Protein backbone atom coordinates (compact mmCIF):
# COMPACT_ATOMS: atom_id res chain seq x y z
CA MET A 1 -41.68 -100.32 -1.55
CA LYS A 2 -38.23 -98.66 -2.08
CA VAL A 3 -36.30 -100.92 -4.41
CA LEU A 4 -32.93 -100.65 -6.06
CA VAL A 5 -32.24 -102.05 -9.27
CA VAL A 6 -28.59 -102.98 -9.70
CA GLY A 7 -27.84 -102.53 -13.10
CA GLY A 8 -31.11 -100.97 -13.61
CA SER A 9 -30.23 -99.15 -17.27
CA GLY A 10 -29.22 -102.43 -18.92
CA PHE A 11 -31.76 -104.51 -21.10
CA ILE A 12 -33.66 -106.31 -18.66
CA GLY A 13 -33.04 -103.64 -15.71
CA SER A 14 -34.51 -100.74 -17.78
CA THR A 15 -37.60 -103.30 -18.48
CA LEU A 16 -38.06 -103.69 -14.65
CA CYS A 17 -37.95 -100.39 -13.41
CA ARG A 18 -40.65 -99.78 -15.83
CA GLU A 19 -42.67 -102.79 -14.44
CA LEU A 20 -41.73 -101.67 -10.92
CA LYS A 21 -42.44 -98.11 -11.32
CA GLY A 22 -45.72 -99.07 -13.03
CA ARG A 23 -46.68 -101.13 -9.80
CA GLY A 24 -46.18 -98.06 -7.74
CA HIS A 25 -42.68 -98.76 -5.98
CA GLU A 26 -40.07 -96.22 -5.49
CA VAL A 27 -37.62 -97.24 -8.20
CA THR A 28 -33.70 -96.38 -8.06
CA ALA A 29 -31.47 -97.49 -10.89
CA LEU A 30 -27.79 -98.14 -10.26
CA SER A 31 -25.34 -98.36 -12.70
CA ARG A 32 -21.76 -97.46 -14.00
CA SER A 33 -23.36 -94.70 -16.38
CA PRO A 34 -27.11 -93.97 -15.56
CA SER A 35 -29.41 -92.27 -17.99
CA GLY A 36 -32.70 -91.29 -18.37
CA GLN A 37 -33.18 -92.47 -21.79
CA ASP A 38 -34.55 -96.07 -21.36
CA LEU A 39 -35.82 -95.21 -17.87
CA PRO A 40 -39.43 -94.04 -16.75
CA LYS A 41 -40.04 -90.32 -15.72
CA GLY A 42 -39.59 -90.53 -11.94
CA VAL A 43 -36.94 -93.34 -11.30
CA ASN A 44 -34.25 -92.16 -9.66
CA LYS A 45 -30.62 -92.79 -10.88
CA VAL A 46 -27.50 -93.26 -9.17
CA MET A 47 -23.84 -94.22 -10.37
CA GLY A 48 -21.78 -96.74 -8.80
CA ASN A 49 -19.93 -99.99 -9.94
CA VAL A 50 -20.26 -103.61 -8.38
CA THR A 51 -16.59 -103.92 -8.03
CA ASP A 52 -15.93 -101.09 -6.21
CA TYR A 53 -18.05 -101.81 -2.79
CA GLY A 54 -17.54 -98.15 -1.62
CA SER A 55 -19.20 -96.79 -5.00
CA ILE A 56 -22.52 -98.84 -4.33
CA LYS A 57 -22.97 -99.04 -0.24
CA GLY A 58 -24.83 -95.84 0.01
CA ALA A 59 -27.68 -96.86 -2.40
CA PHE A 60 -28.75 -99.63 -0.26
CA GLU A 61 -29.50 -97.22 2.68
CA GLY A 62 -33.43 -97.11 3.10
CA LYS A 63 -34.30 -99.76 0.63
CA ASP A 64 -36.71 -102.53 1.18
CA ALA A 65 -35.63 -104.42 -1.83
CA VAL A 66 -32.53 -104.87 -4.45
CA TYR A 67 -32.46 -106.36 -7.62
CA ASN A 68 -28.98 -107.50 -8.66
CA LEU A 69 -28.75 -107.67 -12.65
CA VAL A 70 -25.32 -106.82 -13.50
CA ALA A 71 -23.77 -109.70 -15.58
CA LEU A 72 -21.56 -110.08 -18.62
CA SER A 73 -22.84 -111.72 -21.32
CA PRO A 74 -21.78 -115.46 -21.99
CA LEU A 75 -22.40 -115.15 -25.56
CA PHE A 76 -19.39 -113.09 -26.38
CA LYS A 77 -15.83 -113.02 -24.73
CA PRO A 78 -15.21 -110.36 -22.64
CA SER A 79 -12.65 -107.81 -23.36
CA GLY A 80 -10.66 -108.31 -20.32
CA GLY A 81 -10.73 -112.29 -20.48
CA ASP A 82 -12.61 -115.02 -18.88
CA LYS A 83 -11.55 -113.78 -15.46
CA MET A 84 -13.62 -110.79 -15.64
CA HIS A 85 -16.58 -113.06 -14.76
CA ASP A 86 -15.39 -113.75 -11.90
CA ARG A 87 -14.79 -110.01 -11.14
CA ILE A 88 -18.21 -108.97 -12.18
CA HIS A 89 -20.29 -111.92 -11.19
CA ARG A 90 -18.77 -113.58 -8.02
CA GLN A 91 -16.65 -110.38 -6.76
CA GLY A 92 -19.71 -108.57 -7.68
CA THR A 93 -22.20 -110.34 -5.82
CA GLU A 94 -19.91 -110.55 -2.66
CA HIS A 95 -20.02 -106.48 -2.53
CA VAL A 96 -24.24 -106.33 -3.20
CA VAL A 97 -24.57 -109.08 -0.56
CA ARG A 98 -22.28 -107.16 1.96
CA ALA A 99 -24.31 -103.95 1.48
CA ALA A 100 -27.53 -105.57 1.18
CA GLU A 101 -27.07 -107.46 4.81
CA LYS A 102 -25.73 -104.03 6.20
CA HIS A 103 -29.00 -102.32 5.43
CA ASP A 104 -31.31 -105.77 5.74
CA VAL A 105 -32.24 -105.50 2.32
CA ARG A 106 -34.40 -108.03 0.56
CA LEU A 107 -32.57 -109.59 -2.74
CA VAL A 108 -33.70 -110.92 -5.80
CA GLN A 109 -30.41 -112.60 -7.48
CA MET A 110 -30.24 -113.14 -11.21
CA SER A 111 -28.50 -116.04 -12.11
CA ALA A 112 -28.33 -118.27 -15.38
CA LEU A 113 -29.43 -121.95 -16.26
CA GLY A 114 -27.02 -124.55 -15.15
CA ALA A 115 -25.25 -122.32 -12.79
CA ASP A 116 -22.61 -124.26 -10.93
CA PRO A 117 -19.32 -123.67 -9.21
CA LYS A 118 -18.02 -126.26 -10.93
CA GLY A 119 -19.37 -125.83 -14.44
CA PRO A 120 -17.98 -125.99 -18.01
CA THR A 121 -17.45 -122.47 -18.33
CA ALA A 122 -16.32 -119.48 -16.67
CA TYR A 123 -19.72 -117.68 -16.91
CA ILE A 124 -21.77 -120.89 -15.54
CA ARG A 125 -18.97 -121.01 -12.63
CA SER A 126 -18.77 -117.58 -11.51
CA LYS A 127 -22.49 -117.82 -11.85
CA GLY A 128 -22.58 -120.65 -9.60
CA GLU A 129 -20.09 -119.09 -7.06
CA ALA A 130 -22.09 -116.20 -7.05
CA GLU A 131 -25.40 -118.14 -6.00
CA GLU A 132 -23.38 -119.78 -3.03
CA ILE A 133 -22.53 -116.08 -1.97
CA VAL A 134 -26.37 -115.38 -1.82
CA THR A 135 -27.70 -118.85 -0.22
CA GLU A 136 -25.06 -118.65 2.43
CA SER A 137 -26.09 -114.95 3.50
CA VAL A 138 -28.58 -113.87 5.95
CA LEU A 139 -30.99 -112.40 3.39
CA ASP A 140 -34.08 -113.01 2.44
CA TYR A 141 -33.31 -113.89 -1.33
CA THR A 142 -34.79 -115.32 -4.48
CA ILE A 143 -32.95 -116.49 -7.28
CA PHE A 144 -33.91 -116.61 -11.00
CA ARG A 145 -32.34 -118.94 -13.32
CA PRO A 146 -33.58 -118.03 -17.00
CA SER A 147 -32.74 -119.57 -20.21
CA VAL A 148 -31.57 -116.91 -22.75
CA VAL A 149 -33.52 -113.91 -22.96
CA PHE A 150 -35.33 -111.87 -26.04
CA GLY A 151 -36.61 -108.61 -26.91
CA GLU A 152 -35.70 -105.12 -27.84
CA GLY A 153 -32.24 -104.15 -26.62
CA GLY A 154 -30.98 -107.98 -26.13
CA GLU A 155 -28.08 -109.57 -27.52
CA PHE A 156 -29.35 -113.17 -28.44
CA ILE A 157 -31.25 -112.38 -32.17
CA SER A 158 -27.86 -110.41 -33.35
CA PHE A 159 -25.42 -113.02 -31.50
CA THR A 160 -27.25 -115.70 -33.65
CA LYS A 161 -27.18 -113.60 -37.01
CA LEU A 162 -23.48 -113.38 -36.17
CA LEU A 163 -22.82 -116.84 -35.52
CA ALA A 164 -25.27 -117.91 -38.58
CA PRO A 165 -25.48 -115.70 -41.16
CA PRO A 166 -28.21 -115.80 -43.96
CA TYR A 167 -28.17 -118.01 -46.82
CA LEU A 168 -24.99 -120.23 -45.33
CA SER A 169 -24.83 -121.05 -41.70
CA ALA A 170 -21.71 -123.28 -40.83
CA LEU A 171 -22.82 -124.31 -37.05
CA PRO A 172 -20.61 -125.99 -34.62
CA GLY A 173 -22.18 -129.45 -34.53
CA GLY A 174 -25.19 -128.77 -37.00
CA GLY A 175 -26.38 -126.33 -34.26
CA LYS A 176 -28.09 -128.99 -32.35
CA THR A 177 -27.78 -127.30 -29.23
CA ARG A 178 -30.94 -126.47 -27.35
CA PHE A 179 -32.48 -123.02 -25.93
CA GLN A 180 -35.82 -121.98 -24.32
CA PRO A 181 -35.76 -118.55 -25.33
CA ILE A 182 -37.94 -116.15 -22.86
CA TRP A 183 -39.22 -112.77 -23.98
CA VAL A 184 -37.97 -109.78 -21.49
CA GLY A 185 -41.54 -108.78 -21.19
CA ASP A 186 -42.92 -112.22 -19.56
CA LEU A 187 -39.72 -112.77 -17.44
CA VAL A 188 -40.01 -108.92 -15.95
CA PRO A 189 -43.48 -109.68 -14.34
CA MET A 190 -42.11 -112.50 -12.37
CA LEU A 191 -39.16 -110.44 -10.98
CA ALA A 192 -41.33 -107.72 -9.64
CA ASP A 193 -43.93 -110.17 -8.23
CA ALA A 194 -40.88 -111.87 -6.39
CA ILE A 195 -40.43 -109.24 -3.61
CA GLU A 196 -44.57 -108.70 -3.24
CA SER A 197 -44.92 -112.10 -1.57
CA ASP A 198 -43.30 -114.23 1.00
CA GLU A 199 -43.67 -117.40 -0.43
CA HIS A 200 -40.59 -116.44 -3.11
CA VAL A 201 -38.14 -116.25 -0.18
CA GLY A 202 -35.46 -118.75 -0.32
CA LYS A 203 -36.69 -119.95 -3.65
CA ILE A 204 -34.56 -120.79 -6.99
CA TYR A 205 -36.65 -120.48 -10.02
CA GLU A 206 -35.43 -122.00 -13.57
CA VAL A 207 -37.68 -120.36 -16.21
CA GLY A 208 -37.57 -120.36 -20.02
CA GLY A 209 -39.91 -119.79 -22.93
CA PRO A 210 -42.77 -121.79 -24.36
CA ASP A 211 -40.21 -123.44 -26.76
CA LYS A 212 -37.05 -125.71 -26.79
CA LEU A 213 -35.43 -124.87 -29.84
CA THR A 214 -32.09 -125.76 -31.68
CA LEU A 215 -29.58 -123.39 -32.80
CA ALA A 216 -30.63 -124.38 -35.89
CA GLU A 217 -34.09 -123.99 -35.86
CA ILE A 218 -33.67 -120.28 -34.17
CA ALA A 219 -31.30 -119.31 -37.16
CA ARG A 220 -33.93 -120.24 -39.44
CA MET A 221 -36.58 -118.60 -37.86
CA ILE A 222 -34.65 -115.57 -37.55
CA HIS A 223 -33.67 -115.05 -41.22
CA LYS A 224 -37.00 -116.11 -42.08
CA SER A 225 -38.63 -113.20 -40.42
CA ASP A 226 -36.40 -111.14 -42.53
CA GLY A 227 -37.56 -112.71 -45.73
CA ARG A 228 -34.18 -114.93 -46.33
CA SER A 229 -33.25 -118.17 -45.73
CA THR A 230 -30.28 -120.34 -44.47
CA THR A 231 -28.60 -123.56 -44.93
CA VAL A 232 -27.43 -125.15 -42.14
CA VAL A 233 -23.85 -126.76 -42.94
CA PRO A 234 -22.72 -128.90 -39.53
CA VAL A 235 -19.11 -128.33 -38.46
CA PRO A 236 -17.44 -130.97 -36.59
CA MET A 237 -16.84 -129.78 -32.85
CA GLY A 238 -13.51 -130.51 -33.04
CA LEU A 239 -12.85 -128.40 -36.11
CA ALA A 240 -15.23 -125.82 -34.54
CA LYS A 241 -12.94 -125.44 -31.26
CA VAL A 242 -9.79 -124.93 -33.34
CA GLY A 243 -11.35 -122.06 -35.25
CA LEU A 244 -12.61 -120.54 -32.03
CA THR A 245 -9.79 -121.21 -30.22
CA ILE A 246 -7.67 -119.42 -32.79
CA GLY A 247 -10.48 -116.60 -33.02
CA GLY A 248 -10.22 -115.92 -29.54
CA ALA A 249 -6.49 -115.30 -29.46
CA ILE A 250 -7.32 -112.32 -32.22
CA PRO A 251 -7.67 -108.88 -30.62
CA GLY A 252 -11.44 -107.96 -31.15
CA PHE A 253 -13.10 -111.42 -32.47
CA PRO A 254 -16.35 -111.49 -30.44
CA MET A 255 -15.80 -115.37 -29.48
CA GLY A 256 -13.50 -117.91 -28.00
CA LYS A 257 -13.10 -121.08 -26.21
CA ASP A 258 -15.63 -120.41 -23.50
CA GLN A 259 -18.42 -119.79 -26.23
CA PHE A 260 -17.53 -123.06 -27.94
CA ARG A 261 -17.80 -124.88 -24.27
CA SER A 262 -21.46 -123.47 -23.85
CA LEU A 263 -22.32 -124.71 -27.64
CA GLN A 264 -21.86 -128.19 -25.96
CA PHE A 265 -24.64 -128.58 -23.47
CA ASP A 266 -28.45 -127.58 -23.77
CA ASN A 267 -29.65 -124.33 -22.06
CA VAL A 268 -33.16 -125.58 -21.43
CA THR A 269 -35.22 -126.27 -18.17
CA ASP A 270 -35.98 -129.81 -17.06
CA ASP A 271 -39.47 -128.17 -15.10
CA ASN A 272 -39.89 -124.56 -15.96
CA ASP A 273 -41.20 -122.60 -12.73
CA VAL A 274 -43.19 -120.16 -14.55
CA ASP A 275 -46.19 -121.85 -13.14
CA ALA A 276 -45.11 -120.40 -9.53
CA PHE A 277 -45.80 -117.10 -10.80
CA ASP A 278 -49.67 -118.32 -12.11
CA VAL A 279 -48.35 -118.59 -15.35
CA GLY A 280 -48.87 -121.35 -18.04
CA THR A 281 -46.39 -121.90 -20.81
CA GLY A 282 -49.21 -121.46 -23.04
CA GLU A 283 -49.44 -117.67 -22.26
CA LEU A 284 -45.90 -116.94 -22.91
CA THR A 285 -44.27 -115.09 -26.05
CA THR A 286 -42.70 -117.33 -28.59
CA LEU A 287 -39.74 -116.66 -30.13
CA GLU A 288 -41.91 -116.68 -33.61
CA ALA A 289 -44.46 -114.44 -32.44
CA TYR A 290 -41.66 -112.03 -31.29
CA LEU A 291 -40.01 -111.94 -34.70
CA ASN A 292 -43.09 -111.61 -36.83
CA GLY A 293 -44.02 -108.56 -34.34
CA ARG A 294 -46.58 -110.17 -32.29
CA ALA A 295 -45.04 -109.86 -29.10
CA GLY A 296 -47.31 -110.33 -26.16
CA ASP A 297 -49.89 -112.12 -28.23
CA ALA A 298 -50.18 -114.92 -25.50
CA GLY A 299 -49.94 -118.30 -26.35
CA THR A 300 -50.03 -117.30 -30.42
CA ALA A 301 -47.82 -118.98 -32.97
CA ALA A 302 -46.46 -121.90 -30.97
CA THR A 303 -43.60 -123.35 -33.44
CA ALA A 304 -43.74 -126.49 -34.96
CA ALA A 305 -40.10 -126.70 -34.52
CA SER A 306 -40.78 -126.68 -30.67
CA SER A 307 -39.53 -129.94 -29.03
CA GLY A 308 -40.89 -128.83 -25.49
C-alpha cells in the first residue's frame, strides 16, 4: 500500500514509518521540517503543516491510507497557549480529513484516552472534537486512544523526572494519579495492523500497557533505574493548583493550569483493546523492563506496583 504518515518524523511517527517500510509498504513521511535522520532508507519525505491545508493537500494524492499523528504534548504547556490545542488537533484534523476525503484515503487517527469535546482540559477537548470530525466524515477510519506512550525519544520519562526530582518529590495529591504506560514498540505494530484488515474499520480502540501505575510509583521506578531513590511528599491539590497557575503565567515555565487539571483524573483503560490485535497484556513490555534495558522482553518483569 501507499501510505502517508502525517507527523512522520516525530516520536511515534518515525517508529511507525520504520514498521510500515519493513512490512513492504511505500511510505511517505509528512512533517513541518522532514529529516532523514530518524527515518529508514527509502521513506519519502514531504514538507507540510496541518494548520495550512494548501501545504498538505498534494501529499494525499495517490495514497491508500494516511495516519494523522500530529499532536501537541499534554504534558507541557504549549508555547502559544492552550488555544494551540484547538489549532493543531481540531483544525489540523479538519484539514487532514478534507484532503483524505478528496482522495478517498483510509484514515488512522491518533487520539487520546478520555478524549471528550466537553472534557476538563484543552488537550482532551480538542482531541474529542477531532474525533467528531473523523467519525462524521465519509472515510473508512480507525481511531486509537492510547495512554501515555514511552520509549526512545519520548517525553514521558523526562517529564516525570522534571515533575518528580530525585531524593525528594513534592507531588500534587501525593502522586496518586494513575497511568497505563505503553511502549512505542508495542503500540506501533497495532497501528500498522489497522490498515491491513477491514475488521478495524469504524473502530475506536483504547490501548494501554500491562500495568496501571500511580505517578508516585512511576517516579520511584524511574529513579531506581538511575541508581537513586526518591521520597514522595504529598502537596495538597489546592496548593498545587495555585503554584502551577502562578508558574503558568511565567514565560518559559513548562506547566500550567491545564497540566494541573490532567493530574486530577486517571489515564487508564476500562477495557484494554490490545486483544483486538491478537496481543495479550502479558506480552507487552512493562515500563520497568524498558528502564532496565529489557524492552521487548514480552511478559517479563511484571511490576509489583501494578494495580491492573
